[in-house]
């Protein structure tokens, strides 16, 4: 218990760092995932190709390699940003590929007749997708989206290796101060548990309110 009480501010700073990474990267992942899912089902071939390439490349690229590509590659093009923002970009882009596939699977559960009926009323693709298809698809993808964002929260631990303040990185300082590494990791695990259970609780509430009845 001493490792927590003696270093509460250190744990708190790491905890808040992980929360910030999770929130910002989740927002980016959801926005990009929605965009790429729209591309994947768009009637324009070039959009479908772009969406497919995005998902294929990012889903099959190790996250650590993506961190290296963002942190070391973007500055070569003159884009110098804070490490935390680089981490948000890497996490958000990586997770967006999985969000895209979750949303696309939800879109595929909507009967084709729904879209055909909307188009017969004069709606274009964007109107059909946003007002008819996605509201129905959303109900079926709440649990998998929640699981994907929980995975994002845990994946944020990689950012600590790239000079980003987050929860797992606190063990280095604690180890240097001579505290038990076991208890250091126990309290780090508790912090991640709080974050993941909070995300799970939010999506459980969303599923009860808007999810598909079982």
C-alpha atoms as a PDB file:
ATOM      1  CA  UNK A   1       0.000   0.000   0.000  1.00  0.00           C
ATOM      2  CA  UNK A   2       2.938   2.334   0.673  1.00  0.00           C
ATOM      3  CA  UNK A   3       3.867   2.381  -3.000  1.00  0.00           C
ATOM      4  CA  UNK A   4       0.477   3.944  -3.772  1.00  0.00           C
ATOM      5  CA  UNK A   5       0.237   6.381  -0.873  1.00  0.00           C
ATOM      6  CA  UNK A   6       3.834   7.548  -1.210  1.00  0.00           C
ATOM      7  CA  UNK A   7       3.536   8.057  -4.961  1.00  0.00           C
ATOM      8  CA  UNK A   8      -0.099   8.984  -5.401  1.00  0.00           C
ATOM      9  CA  UNK A   9       0.702  12.051  -7.513  1.00  0.00           C
ATOM     10  CA  UNK A  10       2.886   9.956  -9.822  1.00  0.00           C
ATOM     11  CA  UNK A  11       0.160   7.355 -10.257  1.00  0.00           C
ATOM     12  CA  UNK A  12      -2.412  10.100 -10.720  1.00  0.00           C
ATOM     13  CA  UNK A  13      -0.381  11.772 -13.452  1.00  0.00           C
ATOM     14  CA  UNK A  14       0.079   8.461 -15.272  1.00  0.00           C
ATOM     15  CA  UNK A  15      -3.607   7.568 -14.836  1.00  0.00           C
ATOM     16  CA  UNK A  16      -4.755  10.908 -16.253  1.00  0.00           C
ATOM     17  CA  UNK A  17      -2.276  10.535 -19.107  1.00  0.00           C
ATOM     18  CA  UNK A  18      -3.795   7.176 -20.045  1.00  0.00           C
ATOM     19  CA  UNK A  19      -7.326   8.572 -19.760  1.00  0.00           C
ATOM     20  CA  UNK A  20      -6.451  11.474 -22.050  1.00  0.00           C
ATOM     21  CA  UNK A  21      -4.838   9.176 -24.601  1.00  0.00           C
ATOM     22  CA  UNK A  22      -7.864   6.898 -24.508  1.00  0.00           C
ATOM     23  CA  UNK A  23     -10.414   9.692 -24.886  1.00  0.00           C
ATOM     24  CA  UNK A  24      -8.648  11.566 -27.691  1.00  0.00           C
ATOM     25  CA  UNK A  25      -7.617   8.442 -29.599  1.00  0.00           C
ATOM     26  CA  UNK A  26     -11.144   7.002 -29.246  1.00  0.00           C
ATOM     27  CA  UNK A  27     -12.655  10.155 -30.723  1.00  0.00           C
ATOM     28  CA  UNK A  28     -10.239   9.994 -33.656  1.00  0.00           C
ATOM     29  CA  UNK A  29     -10.796   6.249 -34.141  1.00  0.00           C
ATOM     30  CA  UNK A  30     -14.584   6.636 -34.176  1.00  0.00           C
ATOM     31  CA  UNK A  31     -14.458   9.529 -36.657  1.00  0.00           C
ATOM     32  CA  UNK A  32     -12.025   7.792 -39.013  1.00  0.00           C
ATOM     33  CA  UNK A  33     -13.757   4.448 -38.562  1.00  0.00           C
ATOM     34  CA  UNK A  34     -17.102   5.958 -39.542  1.00  0.00           C
ATOM     35  CA  UNK A  35     -15.527   7.648 -42.561  1.00  0.00           C
ATOM     36  CA  UNK A  36     -13.765   4.494 -43.758  1.00  0.00           C
ATOM     37  CA  UNK A  37     -16.862   2.349 -43.198  1.00  0.00           C
ATOM     38  CA  UNK A  38     -18.769   4.807 -45.389  1.00  0.00           C
ATOM     39  CA  UNK A  39     -16.053   4.451 -48.017  1.00  0.00           C
ATOM     40  CA  UNK A  40     -16.186   0.641 -47.814  1.00  0.00           C
ATOM     41  CA  UNK A  41     -19.891   0.594 -48.766  1.00  0.00           C
ATOM     42  CA  UNK A  42     -19.871   3.629 -51.088  1.00  0.00           C
ATOM     43  CA  UNK A  43     -21.038   3.225 -54.703  1.00  0.00           C
ATOM     44  CA  UNK A  44     -17.830   4.920 -55.936  1.00  0.00           C
ATOM     45  CA  UNK A  45     -15.097   2.361 -56.651  1.00  0.00           C
ATOM     46  CA  UNK A  46     -12.191   4.644 -55.733  1.00  0.00           C
ATOM     47  CA  UNK A  47     -13.674   5.236 -52.273  1.00  0.00           C
ATOM     48  CA  UNK A  48     -14.120   1.499 -51.743  1.00  0.00           C
ATOM     49  CA  UNK A  49     -10.499   0.890 -52.731  1.00  0.00           C
ATOM     50  CA  UNK A  50      -9.285   3.612 -50.345  1.00  0.00           C
ATOM     51  CA  UNK A  51     -11.294   2.142 -47.475  1.00  0.00           C
ATOM     52  CA  UNK A  52     -10.076  -1.377 -48.210  1.00  0.00           C
ATOM     53  CA  UNK A  53      -6.425  -0.314 -48.380  1.00  0.00           C
ATOM     54  CA  UNK A  54      -6.744   1.669 -45.117  1.00  0.00           C
ATOM     55  CA  UNK A  55      -8.196  -1.297 -43.249  1.00  0.00           C
ATOM     56  CA  UNK A  56      -5.888  -3.913 -44.774  1.00  0.00           C
ATOM     57  CA  UNK A  57      -2.688  -1.969 -44.081  1.00  0.00           C
ATOM     58  CA  UNK A  58      -3.505  -0.860 -40.535  1.00  0.00           C
ATOM     59  CA  UNK A  59      -5.025  -4.143 -39.342  1.00  0.00           C
ATOM     60  CA  UNK A  60      -1.928  -6.027 -40.483  1.00  0.00           C
ATOM     61  CA  UNK A  61       0.653  -3.563 -39.145  1.00  0.00           C
ATOM     62  CA  UNK A  62       1.977  -4.090 -35.590  1.00  0.00           C
ATOM     63  CA  UNK A  63       1.013  -1.136 -33.395  1.00  0.00           C
ATOM     64  CA  UNK A  64       4.588  -0.668 -32.194  1.00  0.00           C
ATOM     65  CA  UNK A  65       5.757  -0.366 -35.803  1.00  0.00           C
ATOM     66  CA  UNK A  66       3.040   2.196 -36.431  1.00  0.00           C
ATOM     67  CA  UNK A  67       4.272   4.224 -33.457  1.00  0.00           C
ATOM     68  CA  UNK A  68       7.772   4.216 -34.930  1.00  0.00           C
ATOM     69  CA  UNK A  69       6.406   5.231 -38.335  1.00  0.00           C
ATOM     70  CA  UNK A  70       4.461   8.165 -36.881  1.00  0.00           C
ATOM     71  CA  UNK A  71       7.068   9.370 -34.375  1.00  0.00           C
ATOM     72  CA  UNK A  72      10.042   9.036 -36.705  1.00  0.00           C
ATOM     73  CA  UNK A  73       8.415   9.383 -40.108  1.00  0.00           C
ATOM     74  CA  UNK A  74       6.231  12.481 -39.798  1.00  0.00           C
ATOM     75  CA  UNK A  75       9.056  14.774 -38.566  1.00  0.00           C
ATOM     76  CA  UNK A  76      10.942  13.949 -41.778  1.00  0.00           C
ATOM     77  CA  UNK A  77       8.146  15.748 -43.618  1.00  0.00           C
ATOM     78  CA  UNK A  78       8.424  18.771 -41.342  1.00  0.00           C
ATOM     79  CA  UNK A  79       5.522  17.773 -39.096  1.00  0.00           C
ATOM     80  CA  UNK A  80       6.828  18.174 -35.539  1.00  0.00           C
ATOM     81  CA  UNK A  81       4.197  17.691 -32.853  1.00  0.00           C
ATOM     82  CA  UNK A  82       4.144  16.852 -29.116  1.00  0.00           C
ATOM     83  CA  UNK A  83       4.753  13.164 -28.403  1.00  0.00           C
ATOM     84  CA  UNK A  84       1.279  12.793 -26.917  1.00  0.00           C
ATOM     85  CA  UNK A  85      -0.319  14.008 -30.153  1.00  0.00           C
ATOM     86  CA  UNK A  86       1.808  11.572 -32.151  1.00  0.00           C
ATOM     87  CA  UNK A  87       0.600   8.801 -29.833  1.00  0.00           C
ATOM     88  CA  UNK A  88      -3.043   9.842 -30.333  1.00  0.00           C
ATOM     89  CA  UNK A  89      -2.560   9.733 -34.111  1.00  0.00           C
ATOM     90  CA  UNK A  90      -0.973   6.277 -34.002  1.00  0.00           C
ATOM     91  CA  UNK A  91      -3.575   4.803 -31.636  1.00  0.00           C
ATOM     92  CA  UNK A  92      -6.512   6.490 -33.339  1.00  0.00           C
ATOM     93  CA  UNK A  93      -5.536   5.481 -36.870  1.00  0.00           C
ATOM     94  CA  UNK A  94      -4.741   1.911 -35.837  1.00  0.00           C
ATOM     95  CA  UNK A  95      -8.017   1.431 -33.962  1.00  0.00           C
ATOM     96  CA  UNK A  96     -10.052   3.119 -36.715  1.00  0.00           C
ATOM     97  CA  UNK A  97      -9.422   0.099 -38.958  1.00  0.00           C
ATOM     98  CA  UNK A  98     -11.117  -2.169 -36.420  1.00  0.00           C
ATOM     99  CA  UNK A  99     -13.942   0.317 -35.797  1.00  0.00           C
ATOM    100  CA  UNK A 100     -14.465   0.469 -39.565  1.00  0.00           C
ATOM    101  CA  UNK A 101     -14.924  -3.285 -39.834  1.00  0.00           C
ATOM    102  CA  UNK A 102     -17.271  -3.339 -36.838  1.00  0.00           C
ATOM    103  CA  UNK A 103     -19.428  -0.610 -38.394  1.00  0.00           C
ATOM    104  CA  UNK A 104     -19.341  -2.284 -41.804  1.00  0.00           C
ATOM    105  CA  UNK A 105     -20.525  -5.558 -40.286  1.00  0.00           C
ATOM    106  CA  UNK A 106     -23.367  -3.655 -38.638  1.00  0.00           C
ATOM    107  CA  UNK A 107     -24.274  -1.993 -41.931  1.00  0.00           C
ATOM    108  CA  UNK A 108     -24.402  -5.415 -43.582  1.00  0.00           C
ATOM    109  CA  UNK A 109     -27.008  -6.565 -41.043  1.00  0.00           C
ATOM    110  CA  UNK A 110     -29.470  -3.926 -42.273  1.00  0.00           C
ATOM    111  CA  UNK A 111     -31.810  -5.457 -44.884  1.00  0.00           C
ATOM    112  CA  UNK A 112     -30.974  -4.313 -48.413  1.00  0.00           C
ATOM    113  CA  UNK A 113     -34.595  -3.321 -48.892  1.00  0.00           C
ATOM    114  CA  UNK A 114     -34.178  -0.498 -46.381  1.00  0.00           C
ATOM    115  CA  UNK A 115     -31.633   1.244 -48.601  1.00  0.00           C
ATOM    116  CA  UNK A 116     -33.628   0.560 -51.750  1.00  0.00           C
ATOM    117  CA  UNK A 117     -36.730   2.052 -50.157  1.00  0.00           C
ATOM    118  CA  UNK A 118     -34.788   5.164 -49.140  1.00  0.00           C
ATOM    119  CA  UNK A 119     -33.404   5.618 -52.656  1.00  0.00           C
ATOM    120  CA  UNK A 120     -36.892   5.184 -54.134  1.00  0.00           C
ATOM    121  CA  UNK A 121     -37.916   8.197 -52.045  1.00  0.00           C
ATOM    122  CA  UNK A 122     -35.207  10.262 -53.698  1.00  0.00           C
ATOM    123  CA  UNK A 123     -32.509  10.061 -51.008  1.00  0.00           C
ATOM    124  CA  UNK A 124     -28.882  10.071 -52.129  1.00  0.00           C
ATOM    125  CA  UNK A 125     -26.206   7.737 -50.741  1.00  0.00           C
ATOM    126  CA  UNK A 126     -25.200  10.060 -47.894  1.00  0.00           C
ATOM    127  CA  UNK A 127     -28.785  10.627 -46.781  1.00  0.00           C
ATOM    128  CA  UNK A 128     -29.594   6.920 -46.974  1.00  0.00           C
ATOM    129  CA  UNK A 129     -26.527   5.997 -44.949  1.00  0.00           C
ATOM    130  CA  UNK A 130     -26.928   8.656 -42.248  1.00  0.00           C
ATOM    131  CA  UNK A 131     -30.700   8.616 -41.753  1.00  0.00           C
ATOM    132  CA  UNK A 132     -31.713   5.033 -42.545  1.00  0.00           C
ATOM    133  CA  UNK A 133     -28.841   2.546 -42.480  1.00  0.00           C
ATOM    134  CA  UNK A 134     -26.484   3.769 -39.733  1.00  0.00           C
ATOM    135  CA  UNK A 135     -29.173   4.350 -37.057  1.00  0.00           C
ATOM    136  CA  UNK A 136     -30.208   0.706 -37.458  1.00  0.00           C
ATOM    137  CA  UNK A 137     -26.642  -0.585 -37.698  1.00  0.00           C
ATOM    138  CA  UNK A 138     -25.638   1.379 -34.588  1.00  0.00           C
ATOM    139  CA  UNK A 139     -27.908  -0.727 -32.398  1.00  0.00           C
ATOM    140  CA  UNK A 140     -26.125  -3.959 -33.302  1.00  0.00           C
ATOM    141  CA  UNK A 141     -22.526  -2.692 -33.035  1.00  0.00           C
ATOM    142  CA  UNK A 142     -22.574  -1.160 -29.546  1.00  0.00           C
ATOM    143  CA  UNK A 143     -20.934  -4.172 -27.781  1.00  0.00           C
ATOM    144  CA  UNK A 144     -18.112  -4.722 -30.334  1.00  0.00           C
ATOM    145  CA  UNK A 145     -17.332  -0.993 -30.484  1.00  0.00           C
ATOM    146  CA  UNK A 146     -17.043  -0.986 -26.693  1.00  0.00           C
ATOM    147  CA  UNK A 147     -14.695  -3.981 -26.793  1.00  0.00           C
ATOM    148  CA  UNK A 148     -12.552  -2.276 -29.430  1.00  0.00           C
ATOM    149  CA  UNK A 149     -12.214   0.888 -27.329  1.00  0.00           C
ATOM    150  CA  UNK A 150     -11.294  -1.192 -24.276  1.00  0.00           C
ATOM    151  CA  UNK A 151      -8.513  -2.732 -26.376  1.00  0.00           C
ATOM    152  CA  UNK A 152      -7.425   0.799 -27.327  1.00  0.00           C
ATOM    153  CA  UNK A 153      -7.151   1.764 -23.650  1.00  0.00           C
ATOM    154  CA  UNK A 154      -4.857  -1.206 -23.020  1.00  0.00           C
ATOM    155  CA  UNK A 155      -2.858  -0.582 -26.182  1.00  0.00           C
ATOM    156  CA  UNK A 156      -2.097   2.934 -24.961  1.00  0.00           C
ATOM    157  CA  UNK A 157       0.529   1.346 -22.681  1.00  0.00           C
ATOM    158  CA  UNK A 158       2.838   1.212 -25.709  1.00  0.00           C
ATOM    159  CA  UNK A 159       3.004   5.018 -25.699  1.00  0.00           C
ATOM    160  CA  UNK A 160       5.079   4.948 -22.504  1.00  0.00           C
ATOM    161  CA  UNK A 161       8.025   3.600 -24.465  1.00  0.00           C
ATOM    162  CA  UNK A 162       7.929   6.755 -26.600  1.00  0.00           C
ATOM    163  CA  UNK A 163       8.259   9.374 -23.837  1.00  0.00           C
ATOM    164  CA  UNK A 164       4.509   9.805 -23.425  1.00  0.00           C
ATOM    165  CA  UNK A 165       3.143  10.137 -19.899  1.00  0.00           C
ATOM    166  CA  UNK A 166       0.839   7.205 -19.210  1.00  0.00           C
ATOM    167  CA  UNK A 167       0.086   4.713 -16.456  1.00  0.00           C
ATOM    168  CA  UNK A 168       2.390   1.802 -17.294  1.00  0.00           C
ATOM    169  CA  UNK A 169       5.413   4.089 -17.601  1.00  0.00           C
ATOM    170  CA  UNK A 170       5.240   4.905 -13.888  1.00  0.00           C
ATOM    171  CA  UNK A 171       6.863   1.563 -13.042  1.00  0.00           C
ATOM    172  CA  UNK A 172      10.235   2.850 -14.296  1.00  0.00           C
ATOM    173  CA  UNK A 173      10.319   5.676 -11.765  1.00  0.00           C
ATOM    174  CA  UNK A 174       9.024   3.446  -8.975  1.00  0.00           C
ATOM    175  CA  UNK A 175      11.648   0.824  -9.750  1.00  0.00           C
ATOM    176  CA  UNK A 176      14.385   3.452  -9.606  1.00  0.00           C
ATOM    177  CA  UNK A 177      13.063   4.585  -6.217  1.00  0.00           C
ATOM    178  CA  UNK A 178      13.408   1.040  -4.888  1.00  0.00           C
ATOM    179  CA  UNK A 179       9.752   0.095  -4.520  1.00  0.00           C
ATOM    180  CA  UNK A 180       8.575  -3.479  -5.010  1.00  0.00           C
ATOM    181  CA  UNK A 181       8.044  -4.071  -8.717  1.00  0.00           C
ATOM    182  CA  UNK A 182       5.212  -6.491  -7.946  1.00  0.00           C
ATOM    183  CA  UNK A 183       3.184  -3.972  -5.966  1.00  0.00           C
ATOM    184  CA  UNK A 184       3.982  -1.280  -8.503  1.00  0.00           C
ATOM    185  CA  UNK A 185       2.392  -3.409 -11.218  1.00  0.00           C
ATOM    186  CA  UNK A 186      -0.539  -4.364  -8.979  1.00  0.00           C
ATOM    187  CA  UNK A 187      -1.584  -0.726  -8.648  1.00  0.00           C
ATOM    188  CA  UNK A 188      -0.945  -0.082 -12.327  1.00  0.00           C
ATOM    189  CA  UNK A 189      -3.256  -3.013 -13.111  1.00  0.00           C
ATOM    190  CA  UNK A 190      -5.893  -1.520 -10.785  1.00  0.00           C
ATOM    191  CA  UNK A 191      -5.685   1.740 -12.722  1.00  0.00           C
ATOM    192  CA  UNK A 192      -6.240  -0.015 -16.045  1.00  0.00           C
ATOM    193  CA  UNK A 193      -9.071  -1.989 -14.496  1.00  0.00           C
ATOM    194  CA  UNK A 194     -10.816   1.223 -13.462  1.00  0.00           C
ATOM    195  CA  UNK A 195     -10.516   2.613 -16.991  1.00  0.00           C
ATOM    196  CA  UNK A 196     -11.683  -0.527 -18.791  1.00  0.00           C
ATOM    197  CA  UNK A 197     -14.570  -1.162 -16.391  1.00  0.00           C
ATOM    198  CA  UNK A 198     -15.689   2.452 -16.836  1.00  0.00           C
ATOM    199  CA  UNK A 199     -15.757   2.040 -20.618  1.00  0.00           C
ATOM    200  CA  UNK A 200     -17.596  -1.266 -20.233  1.00  0.00           C
ATOM    201  CA  UNK A 201     -20.189   0.331 -17.924  1.00  0.00           C
ATOM    202  CA  UNK A 202     -20.857   3.153 -20.398  1.00  0.00           C
ATOM    203  CA  UNK A 203     -21.388   0.757 -23.293  1.00  0.00           C
ATOM    204  CA  UNK A 204     -23.531  -1.563 -21.166  1.00  0.00           C
ATOM    205  CA  UNK A 205     -25.820   1.392 -20.456  1.00  0.00           C
ATOM    206  CA  UNK A 206     -25.880   2.279 -24.139  1.00  0.00           C
ATOM    207  CA  UNK A 207     -26.723  -1.307 -25.064  1.00  0.00           C
ATOM    208  CA  UNK A 208     -29.586  -1.449 -22.550  1.00  0.00           C
ATOM    209  CA  UNK A 209     -31.013   1.780 -23.928  1.00  0.00           C
ATOM    210  CA  UNK A 210     -30.417   1.444 -27.662  1.00  0.00           C
ATOM    211  CA  UNK A 211     -29.157  -2.093 -28.294  1.00  0.00           C
ATOM    212  CA  UNK A 212     -30.963  -4.823 -30.188  1.00  0.00           C
ATOM    213  CA  UNK A 213     -33.356  -6.736 -27.942  1.00  0.00           C
ATOM    214  CA  UNK A 214     -32.278 -10.325 -27.345  1.00  0.00           C
END
